[in-house]
Amino acid sequence: MDEVAAALADPVRRDILLMVRAQPLAAGQIADRFAISRPAVSRHLRVLREAGLVRDTVDGRRRVYTLVTAPLDELAGWLARLTRPAGWQHRLDALETEVHRTRRERQRAAGGSAAQEEIA
C-alpha cells in the first residue's frame, strides 16, 4: 500500500493513470502529452509499473501501458476506514436517524387523527 500511495503522490503519475484508464497508450503517446522530457516520463512509468498500477506489453518496438486497478483496492479500503465515522459517532448517527424517523411517524399519526376529528 505504501508503494501505491507514493506512486499516487505525484501529479504527473496521476495524470498518466487517467490517460491509460481511458485506453492503452504507448510510452511515446504518453510522453507527447507532457512538457517534461521523455526520460522523465519513462521514470514516472517505471514507478507506476513497480507499484503495480500499470502493466506494459511490448508491441514491436513500442511499450504499451494499461491501467491495473487491483493495487488500489487496499488503499481504497484503508481510506474508507479513515473517512467513515468511528466508534460512537457511527452509533450516534444511527440514533439520530431513528429519532427523525420516529418524529415523522408521530407527526403523520397526529395529522391523521386531526383530520378524522374535523370530519366527525
Protein backbone atom coordinates (compact mmCIF):
# COMPACT_ATOMS: atom_id res chain seq x y z
CA MET A 1 0.00 0.00 0.00
CA ASP A 2 2.88 2.40 0.76
CA GLU A 3 4.34 1.96 -2.71
CA VAL A 4 0.95 2.64 -4.30
CA ALA A 5 0.41 5.76 -2.17
CA ALA A 6 3.90 7.01 -3.02
CA ALA A 7 3.24 6.46 -6.73
CA LEU A 8 -0.02 8.40 -6.50
CA ALA A 9 1.67 11.30 -4.70
CA ASP A 10 2.98 12.80 -7.93
CA PRO A 11 0.53 14.72 -10.15
CA VAL A 12 2.24 13.59 -13.37
CA ARG A 13 1.76 9.95 -12.39
CA ARG A 14 -1.88 10.60 -11.51
CA ASP A 15 -2.36 12.16 -14.96
CA ILE A 16 -0.72 9.15 -16.60
CA LEU A 17 -3.11 6.83 -14.77
CA LEU A 18 -6.08 8.82 -16.03
CA MET A 19 -4.71 8.62 -19.57
CA VAL A 20 -4.23 4.86 -19.59
CA ARG A 21 -7.59 4.40 -17.86
CA ALA A 22 -9.28 5.67 -20.99
CA GLN A 23 -7.25 3.48 -23.37
CA PRO A 24 -3.94 1.64 -23.59
CA LEU A 25 -1.21 4.02 -24.72
CA ALA A 26 2.35 3.64 -25.95
CA ALA A 27 5.08 5.32 -23.91
CA GLY A 28 5.66 7.81 -26.72
CA GLN A 29 1.99 8.77 -26.81
CA ILE A 30 2.09 9.39 -23.08
CA ALA A 31 5.29 11.42 -23.31
CA ASP A 32 3.87 13.58 -26.11
CA ARG A 33 1.17 14.85 -23.73
CA PHE A 34 3.65 16.34 -21.24
CA ALA A 35 6.05 19.27 -21.32
CA ILE A 36 8.68 17.20 -19.49
CA SER A 37 11.42 15.12 -21.08
CA ARG A 38 10.86 11.58 -22.35
CA PRO A 39 13.34 10.16 -19.80
CA ALA A 40 11.35 11.86 -17.02
CA VAL A 41 8.13 10.29 -18.31
CA SER A 42 9.94 6.96 -18.53
CA ARG A 43 10.91 7.25 -14.85
CA HIS A 44 7.30 8.00 -13.91
CA LEU A 45 6.14 4.95 -15.88
CA ARG A 46 8.74 2.80 -14.10
CA VAL A 47 7.44 3.94 -10.69
CA LEU A 48 3.87 3.14 -11.73
CA ARG A 49 4.94 -0.25 -13.10
CA GLU A 50 6.87 -1.14 -9.93
CA ALA A 51 3.84 -0.16 -7.81
CA GLY A 52 1.74 -2.49 -9.97
CA LEU A 53 -0.54 0.30 -11.18
CA VAL A 54 0.26 -0.16 -14.87
CA ARG A 55 1.20 -3.13 -16.99
CA ASP A 56 3.33 -2.82 -20.08
CA THR A 57 3.34 -5.07 -23.09
CA VAL A 58 5.81 -5.00 -25.92
CA ASP A 59 4.30 -4.36 -29.33
CA GLY A 60 7.16 -4.37 -31.82
CA ARG A 61 9.43 -1.55 -30.67
CA ARG A 62 6.73 0.10 -28.56
CA ARG A 63 5.77 -0.44 -24.93
CA VAL A 64 2.02 -0.14 -24.46
CA TYR A 65 0.74 0.70 -20.97
CA THR A 66 -2.60 -0.26 -19.46
CA LEU A 67 -4.11 0.52 -16.06
CA VAL A 68 -4.17 -2.11 -13.31
CA THR A 69 -6.66 -1.22 -10.57
CA ALA A 70 -6.15 -4.14 -8.17
CA PRO A 71 -3.39 -2.40 -6.15
CA LEU A 72 -5.81 0.44 -5.45
CA ASP A 73 -8.18 -1.86 -3.53
CA GLU A 74 -6.09 -2.00 -0.36
CA LEU A 75 -5.57 1.76 -0.39
CA ALA A 76 -9.28 2.38 -1.03
CA GLY A 77 -10.17 0.12 1.90
CA TRP A 78 -7.83 1.99 4.19
CA LEU A 79 -9.21 5.35 3.05
CA ALA A 80 -12.75 4.12 3.64
CA ARG A 81 -11.83 3.18 7.22
CA LEU A 82 -10.33 6.62 7.68
CA THR A 83 -13.32 8.53 6.35
CA ARG A 84 -16.24 6.61 7.85
CA PRO A 85 -17.47 7.58 11.30
CA ALA A 86 -15.53 5.94 14.10
CA GLY A 87 -16.94 4.10 17.12
CA TRP A 88 -19.60 6.11 18.90
CA GLN A 89 -20.05 8.59 16.06
CA HIS A 90 -21.49 5.83 13.88
CA ARG A 91 -23.90 4.79 16.63
CA LEU A 92 -24.92 8.38 17.33
CA ASP A 93 -25.62 8.92 13.63
CA ALA A 94 -27.85 5.84 13.65
CA LEU A 95 -29.66 7.11 16.75
CA GLU A 96 -30.23 10.50 15.14
CA THR A 97 -31.73 8.81 12.09
CA GLU A 98 -34.05 6.76 14.29
CA VAL A 99 -35.18 9.85 16.24
CA HIS A 100 -36.04 11.67 13.00
CA ARG A 101 -37.94 8.65 11.69
CA THR A 102 -39.94 8.35 14.92
CA ARG A 103 -40.81 12.08 14.88
CA ARG A 104 -42.05 11.84 11.30
CA GLU A 105 -44.24 8.86 12.16
CA ARG A 106 -45.72 10.68 15.16
CA GLN A 107 -46.41 13.80 13.10
CA ARG A 108 -48.14 11.72 10.43
CA ALA A 109 -50.20 9.94 13.07
CA ALA A 110 -51.17 13.25 14.72
CA GLY A 111 -52.07 14.75 11.34
CA GLY A 112 -54.26 11.74 10.54
CA SER A 113 -56.19 11.91 13.84
CA ALA A 114 -56.73 15.69 13.48
CA ALA A 115 -58.20 15.13 10.02
CA GLN A 116 -60.54 12.47 11.41
CA GLU A 117 -61.77 14.89 14.16
CA GLU A 118 -62.63 17.54 11.53
CA ILE A 119 -64.75 15.03 9.60
CA ALA A 120 -66.69 13.97 12.72
